[in-house]
Amino acid sequence: MIRRSTLLAAAALACAALPATASADLVMGRTTPQLRANGIGPLKLGMTTAAALRTRWLAHRGSGCELGGRPYPVTYQLSGPSAPGGVVGSAEFNRGKLTNLSFTKGVETTFGARVGTTTARGMVNRAKDAGFGAAADYVDTFEGTFVAVVRGKTQFFGGFARGRASARKPISILAIPNVPVCE
């Protein structure tokens, strides 16, 4: 019989032996990178732009929404040489700190909501089943349903699905801490 601690030690050793471009989530059997409340892979909310660029997950610098005034946010696509394949997303920096990550393909949350598959109502249910607060609200301006997942009063996951939650359309954007909008 193999002890659980032996398996965990073997997995940790396997992860340590991998090149920096490999994802521990993929080694542990996940095929879809997992979006955590504080980041994904080596990217963590609050890290500096320089530290985030050193991960080699980011490429293609751009400008964020200009409606909030200067200084404008800076954005990068998650398409750098070390980023996992199949992930489509962006990182937003405000005043030199990573403040938002949003994805349109290739990720799932820690509670199993998957972009492109899980509906808005399904995301709410999965979050509640995991012990979080969650709500879905249709917003006419965007012709879609925003999902907010909270712990206490703090939102840490967001989702967006086109149409009303009752339309059962899949989430097209998953983000932390919320879906970025420019209105």
C-alpha atoms as a PDB file:
ATOM      1  CA  MET A   1       0.000   0.000   0.000  1.00  0.00           C
ATOM      2  CA  ILE A   2       1.344   3.442  -0.938  1.00  0.00           C
ATOM      3  CA  ARG A   3       0.991   6.090   1.717  1.00  0.00           C
ATOM      4  CA  ARG A   4      -0.641   9.400   0.802  1.00  0.00           C
ATOM      5  CA  SER A   5       2.380  11.339   2.095  1.00  0.00           C
ATOM      6  CA  THR A   6       4.620   9.315  -0.242  1.00  0.00           C
ATOM      7  CA  LEU A   7       2.441  10.254  -3.214  1.00  0.00           C
ATOM      8  CA  LEU A   8       2.455  13.933  -2.236  1.00  0.00           C
ATOM      9  CA  ALA A   9       6.233  13.890  -1.806  1.00  0.00           C
ATOM     10  CA  ALA A  10       6.660  12.232  -5.208  1.00  0.00           C
ATOM     11  CA  ALA A  11       4.394  14.823  -6.843  1.00  0.00           C
ATOM     12  CA  ALA A  12       6.296  17.674  -5.200  1.00  0.00           C
ATOM     13  CA  LEU A  13       9.611  16.198  -6.369  1.00  0.00           C
ATOM     14  CA  ALA A  14       8.252  15.804  -9.904  1.00  0.00           C
ATOM     15  CA  CYS A  15       7.128  19.447  -9.936  1.00  0.00           C
ATOM     16  CA  ALA A  16      10.491  20.638  -8.619  1.00  0.00           C
ATOM     17  CA  ALA A  17      12.308  18.738 -11.358  1.00  0.00           C
ATOM     18  CA  LEU A  18      10.300  20.302 -14.179  1.00  0.00           C
ATOM     19  CA  PRO A  19      11.481  23.281 -16.192  1.00  0.00           C
ATOM     20  CA  ALA A  20      10.073  26.670 -15.169  1.00  0.00           C
ATOM     21  CA  THR A  21       7.630  26.609 -18.096  1.00  0.00           C
ATOM     22  CA  ALA A  22       5.744  23.562 -16.820  1.00  0.00           C
ATOM     23  CA  SER A  23       2.623  24.073 -14.753  1.00  0.00           C
ATOM     24  CA  ALA A  24       2.232  22.182 -11.477  1.00  0.00           C
ATOM     25  CA  ASP A  25      -1.527  22.067 -12.107  1.00  0.00           C
ATOM     26  CA  LEU A  26      -0.951  20.151 -15.329  1.00  0.00           C
ATOM     27  CA  VAL A  27       1.435  17.717 -13.625  1.00  0.00           C
ATOM     28  CA  MET A  28      -1.152  16.957 -10.954  1.00  0.00           C
ATOM     29  CA  GLY A  29      -3.550  15.715 -13.632  1.00  0.00           C
ATOM     30  CA  ARG A  30      -5.498  18.876 -14.460  1.00  0.00           C
ATOM     31  CA  THR A  31      -5.815  19.556 -18.134  1.00  0.00           C
ATOM     32  CA  THR A  32      -7.209  23.057 -17.643  1.00  0.00           C
ATOM     33  CA  PRO A  33      -5.189  25.673 -15.712  1.00  0.00           C
ATOM     34  CA  GLN A  34      -6.898  26.664 -12.483  1.00  0.00           C
ATOM     35  CA  LEU A  35      -7.815  30.277 -11.735  1.00  0.00           C
ATOM     36  CA  ARG A  36      -7.341  30.874  -8.008  1.00  0.00           C
ATOM     37  CA  ALA A  37      -8.694  33.812  -5.994  1.00  0.00           C
ATOM     38  CA  ASN A  38      -5.212  35.386  -6.004  1.00  0.00           C
ATOM     39  CA  GLY A  39      -3.960  34.473  -9.481  1.00  0.00           C
ATOM     40  CA  ILE A  40      -3.051  31.739 -11.926  1.00  0.00           C
ATOM     41  CA  GLY A  41       0.247  29.888 -12.196  1.00  0.00           C
ATOM     42  CA  PRO A  42       3.046  32.267 -11.194  1.00  0.00           C
ATOM     43  CA  LEU A  43       0.906  35.396 -11.692  1.00  0.00           C
ATOM     44  CA  LYS A  44      -0.453  36.814  -8.425  1.00  0.00           C
ATOM     45  CA  LEU A  45      -2.657  39.853  -7.900  1.00  0.00           C
ATOM     46  CA  GLY A  46      -0.636  42.704  -6.399  1.00  0.00           C
ATOM     47  CA  MET A  47       2.695  41.707  -7.966  1.00  0.00           C
ATOM     48  CA  THR A  48       4.701  44.351  -9.780  1.00  0.00           C
ATOM     49  CA  THR A  49       4.759  44.642 -13.545  1.00  0.00           C
ATOM     50  CA  ALA A  50       8.462  43.728 -13.588  1.00  0.00           C
ATOM     51  CA  ALA A  51       7.886  40.570 -11.528  1.00  0.00           C
ATOM     52  CA  ALA A  52       4.939  39.562 -13.726  1.00  0.00           C
ATOM     53  CA  LEU A  53       6.981  40.047 -16.900  1.00  0.00           C
ATOM     54  CA  ARG A  54       9.753  37.816 -15.471  1.00  0.00           C
ATOM     55  CA  THR A  55       7.265  34.902 -15.412  1.00  0.00           C
ATOM     56  CA  ARG A  56       7.354  35.002 -19.238  1.00  0.00           C
ATOM     57  CA  TRP A  57       3.576  34.476 -19.299  1.00  0.00           C
ATOM     58  CA  LEU A  58       2.874  37.997 -20.632  1.00  0.00           C
ATOM     59  CA  ALA A  59       3.352  39.594 -24.045  1.00  0.00           C
ATOM     60  CA  HIS A  60       1.868  42.346 -26.231  1.00  0.00           C
ATOM     61  CA  ARG A  61       1.611  45.420 -24.026  1.00  0.00           C
ATOM     62  CA  GLY A  62      -1.441  47.628 -24.552  1.00  0.00           C
ATOM     63  CA  SER A  63      -3.519  50.335 -22.928  1.00  0.00           C
ATOM     64  CA  GLY A  64      -6.530  49.665 -20.736  1.00  0.00           C
ATOM     65  CA  CYS A  65      -9.720  51.684 -20.481  1.00  0.00           C
ATOM     66  CA  GLU A  66      -9.054  55.409 -20.893  1.00  0.00           C
ATOM     67  CA  LEU A  67     -12.397  56.540 -19.476  1.00  0.00           C
ATOM     68  CA  GLY A  68     -11.135  56.450 -15.882  1.00  0.00           C
ATOM     69  CA  GLY A  69      -8.550  59.102 -16.658  1.00  0.00           C
ATOM     70  CA  ARG A  70      -4.794  59.133 -16.184  1.00  0.00           C
ATOM     71  CA  PRO A  71      -2.812  57.171 -15.395  1.00  0.00           C
ATOM     72  CA  TYR A  72      -4.342  54.677 -17.814  1.00  0.00           C
ATOM     73  CA  PRO A  73      -4.133  50.987 -16.946  1.00  0.00           C
ATOM     74  CA  VAL A  74      -1.553  48.903 -18.795  1.00  0.00           C
ATOM     75  CA  THR A  75      -2.598  45.540 -20.206  1.00  0.00           C
ATOM     76  CA  TYR A  76      -0.734  42.461 -21.430  1.00  0.00           C
ATOM     77  CA  GLN A  77      -1.996  39.338 -23.153  1.00  0.00           C
ATOM     78  CA  LEU A  78      -1.298  35.967 -21.540  1.00  0.00           C
ATOM     79  CA  SER A  79       0.541  34.782 -24.627  1.00  0.00           C
ATOM     80  CA  GLY A  80       4.166  34.831 -23.513  1.00  0.00           C
ATOM     81  CA  PRO A  81       6.517  31.907 -24.216  1.00  0.00           C
ATOM     82  CA  SER A  82       5.904  30.259 -20.817  1.00  0.00           C
ATOM     83  CA  ALA A  83       2.105  30.724 -20.731  1.00  0.00           C
ATOM     84  CA  PRO A  84       0.113  27.494 -20.987  1.00  0.00           C
ATOM     85  CA  GLY A  85      -1.249  26.711 -24.433  1.00  0.00           C
ATOM     86  CA  GLY A  86      -4.969  27.110 -24.994  1.00  0.00           C
ATOM     87  CA  VAL A  87      -5.318  29.981 -22.510  1.00  0.00           C
ATOM     88  CA  VAL A  88      -6.638  33.278 -23.871  1.00  0.00           C
ATOM     89  CA  GLY A  89      -6.634  36.124 -21.389  1.00  0.00           C
ATOM     90  CA  SER A  90      -5.266  39.452 -20.300  1.00  0.00           C
ATOM     91  CA  ALA A  91      -3.628  41.007 -17.272  1.00  0.00           C
ATOM     92  CA  GLU A  92      -4.317  44.584 -16.184  1.00  0.00           C
ATOM     93  CA  PHE A  93      -1.884  46.692 -14.186  1.00  0.00           C
ATOM     94  CA  ASN A  94      -2.729  49.909 -12.357  1.00  0.00           C
ATOM     95  CA  ARG A  95       0.094  52.049 -10.992  1.00  0.00           C
ATOM     96  CA  GLY A  96       2.563  49.210 -11.594  1.00  0.00           C
ATOM     97  CA  LYS A  97       0.614  46.461  -9.762  1.00  0.00           C
ATOM     98  CA  LEU A  98      -1.362  43.519 -11.197  1.00  0.00           C
ATOM     99  CA  THR A  99      -4.990  44.307 -10.361  1.00  0.00           C
ATOM    100  CA  ASN A 100      -7.061  42.087 -12.651  1.00  0.00           C
ATOM    101  CA  LEU A 101      -6.848  38.900 -14.703  1.00  0.00           C
ATOM    102  CA  SER A 102      -9.568  37.996 -17.204  1.00  0.00           C
ATOM    103  CA  PHE A 103      -9.941  35.000 -19.509  1.00  0.00           C
ATOM    104  CA  THR A 104     -12.065  34.053 -22.506  1.00  0.00           C
ATOM    105  CA  LYS A 105     -10.659  30.559 -23.038  1.00  0.00           C
ATOM    106  CA  GLY A 106      -8.810  27.742 -21.338  1.00  0.00           C
ATOM    107  CA  VAL A 107      -9.282  28.193 -17.550  1.00  0.00           C
ATOM    108  CA  GLU A 108     -11.529  27.073 -14.718  1.00  0.00           C
ATOM    109  CA  THR A 109     -12.022  28.308 -11.166  1.00  0.00           C
ATOM    110  CA  THR A 110     -11.043  26.435  -8.020  1.00  0.00           C
ATOM    111  CA  PHE A 111     -14.699  25.440  -7.625  1.00  0.00           C
ATOM    112  CA  GLY A 112     -15.025  24.068 -11.153  1.00  0.00           C
ATOM    113  CA  ALA A 113     -16.633  26.871 -13.180  1.00  0.00           C
ATOM    114  CA  ARG A 114     -15.142  26.655 -16.662  1.00  0.00           C
ATOM    115  CA  VAL A 115     -15.111  29.474 -19.212  1.00  0.00           C
ATOM    116  CA  GLY A 116     -17.043  28.477 -22.344  1.00  0.00           C
ATOM    117  CA  THR A 117     -18.853  25.593 -20.620  1.00  0.00           C
ATOM    118  CA  THR A 118     -20.418  26.567 -17.290  1.00  0.00           C
ATOM    119  CA  THR A 119     -23.523  28.780 -17.397  1.00  0.00           C
ATOM    120  CA  ALA A 120     -24.013  31.847 -15.189  1.00  0.00           C
ATOM    121  CA  ARG A 121     -26.521  29.956 -13.064  1.00  0.00           C
ATOM    122  CA  GLY A 122     -24.137  26.979 -12.937  1.00  0.00           C
ATOM    123  CA  MET A 123     -21.297  29.234 -11.734  1.00  0.00           C
ATOM    124  CA  VAL A 124     -23.500  30.603  -8.955  1.00  0.00           C
ATOM    125  CA  ASN A 125     -24.521  27.089  -7.895  1.00  0.00           C
ATOM    126  CA  ARG A 126     -20.945  25.749  -7.936  1.00  0.00           C
ATOM    127  CA  ALA A 127     -19.709  28.698  -5.888  1.00  0.00           C
ATOM    128  CA  LYS A 128     -22.489  28.286  -3.327  1.00  0.00           C
ATOM    129  CA  ASP A 129     -21.826  24.538  -3.130  1.00  0.00           C
ATOM    130  CA  ALA A 130     -18.193  25.404  -2.335  1.00  0.00           C
ATOM    131  CA  GLY A 131     -19.333  27.645   0.532  1.00  0.00           C
ATOM    132  CA  PHE A 132     -19.049  31.060  -1.117  1.00  0.00           C
ATOM    133  CA  GLY A 133     -21.628  33.765  -1.646  1.00  0.00           C
ATOM    134  CA  ALA A 134     -22.643  34.258  -5.276  1.00  0.00           C
ATOM    135  CA  ALA A 135     -25.196  36.143  -7.349  1.00  0.00           C
ATOM    136  CA  ALA A 136     -25.999  36.684 -11.015  1.00  0.00           C
ATOM    137  CA  ASP A 137     -27.357  40.007 -12.284  1.00  0.00           C
ATOM    138  CA  TYR A 138     -28.481  40.860 -15.806  1.00  0.00           C
ATOM    139  CA  VAL A 139     -27.302  44.310 -16.970  1.00  0.00           C
ATOM    140  CA  ASP A 140     -29.163  45.825 -19.949  1.00  0.00           C
ATOM    141  CA  THR A 141     -26.228  48.040 -20.967  1.00  0.00           C
ATOM    142  CA  PHE A 142     -24.046  45.008 -21.655  1.00  0.00           C
ATOM    143  CA  GLU A 143     -26.878  42.657 -22.694  1.00  0.00           C
ATOM    144  CA  GLY A 144     -25.502  40.025 -20.393  1.00  0.00           C
ATOM    145  CA  THR A 145     -25.357  38.507 -16.936  1.00  0.00           C
ATOM    146  CA  PHE A 146     -22.548  39.314 -14.524  1.00  0.00           C
ATOM    147  CA  VAL A 147     -21.727  36.773 -11.824  1.00  0.00           C
ATOM    148  CA  ALA A 148     -20.079  37.880  -8.581  1.00  0.00           C
ATOM    149  CA  VAL A 149     -18.528  35.343  -6.203  1.00  0.00           C
ATOM    150  CA  VAL A 150     -17.796  36.759  -2.765  1.00  0.00           C
ATOM    151  CA  ARG A 151     -16.233  35.830   0.521  1.00  0.00           C
ATOM    152  CA  GLY A 152     -17.726  38.083   3.166  1.00  0.00           C
ATOM    153  CA  LYS A 153     -18.216  41.367   1.322  1.00  0.00           C
ATOM    154  CA  THR A 154     -15.181  41.021  -0.944  1.00  0.00           C
ATOM    155  CA  GLN A 155     -15.606  39.874  -4.541  1.00  0.00           C
ATOM    156  CA  PHE A 156     -12.846  37.567  -5.693  1.00  0.00           C
ATOM    157  CA  PHE A 157     -14.245  35.894  -8.849  1.00  0.00           C
ATOM    158  CA  GLY A 158     -16.340  37.362 -11.628  1.00  0.00           C
ATOM    159  CA  GLY A 159     -18.015  35.947 -14.694  1.00  0.00           C
ATOM    160  CA  PHE A 160     -19.975  37.204 -17.672  1.00  0.00           C
ATOM    161  CA  ALA A 161     -22.446  35.372 -19.915  1.00  0.00           C
ATOM    162  CA  ARG A 162     -24.252  36.883 -22.875  1.00  0.00           C
ATOM    163  CA  GLY A 163     -27.994  37.194 -22.371  1.00  0.00           C
ATOM    164  CA  ARG A 164     -29.986  36.489 -19.236  1.00  0.00           C
ATOM    165  CA  ALA A 165     -28.966  33.764 -16.785  1.00  0.00           C
ATOM    166  CA  SER A 166     -32.153  31.914 -17.765  1.00  0.00           C
ATOM    167  CA  ALA A 167     -30.874  31.721 -21.364  1.00  0.00           C
ATOM    168  CA  ARG A 168     -28.355  29.089 -20.202  1.00  0.00           C
ATOM    169  CA  LYS A 169     -25.527  30.546 -22.280  1.00  0.00           C
ATOM    170  CA  PRO A 170     -22.019  29.658 -21.097  1.00  0.00           C
ATOM    171  CA  ILE A 171     -19.756  32.052 -19.255  1.00  0.00           C
ATOM    172  CA  SER A 172     -17.682  33.846 -21.894  1.00  0.00           C
ATOM    173  CA  ILE A 173     -15.390  35.663 -19.420  1.00  0.00           C
ATOM    174  CA  LEU A 174     -13.944  34.503 -16.097  1.00  0.00           C
ATOM    175  CA  ALA A 175     -11.955  37.018 -14.104  1.00  0.00           C
ATOM    176  CA  ILE A 176     -10.369  37.841 -10.755  1.00  0.00           C
ATOM    177  CA  PRO A 177     -11.442  39.818  -8.891  1.00  0.00           C
ATOM    178  CA  ASN A 178     -14.107  41.015 -11.361  1.00  0.00           C
ATOM    179  CA  VAL A 179     -14.945  41.270 -15.053  1.00  0.00           C
ATOM    180  CA  PRO A 180     -13.322  44.437 -16.395  1.00  0.00           C
ATOM    181  CA  VAL A 181     -15.651  46.818 -18.200  1.00  0.00           C
ATOM    182  CA  CYS A 182     -15.085  50.170 -19.854  1.00  0.00           C
ATOM    183  CA  GLU A 183     -18.238  52.253 -19.964  1.00  0.00           C
END
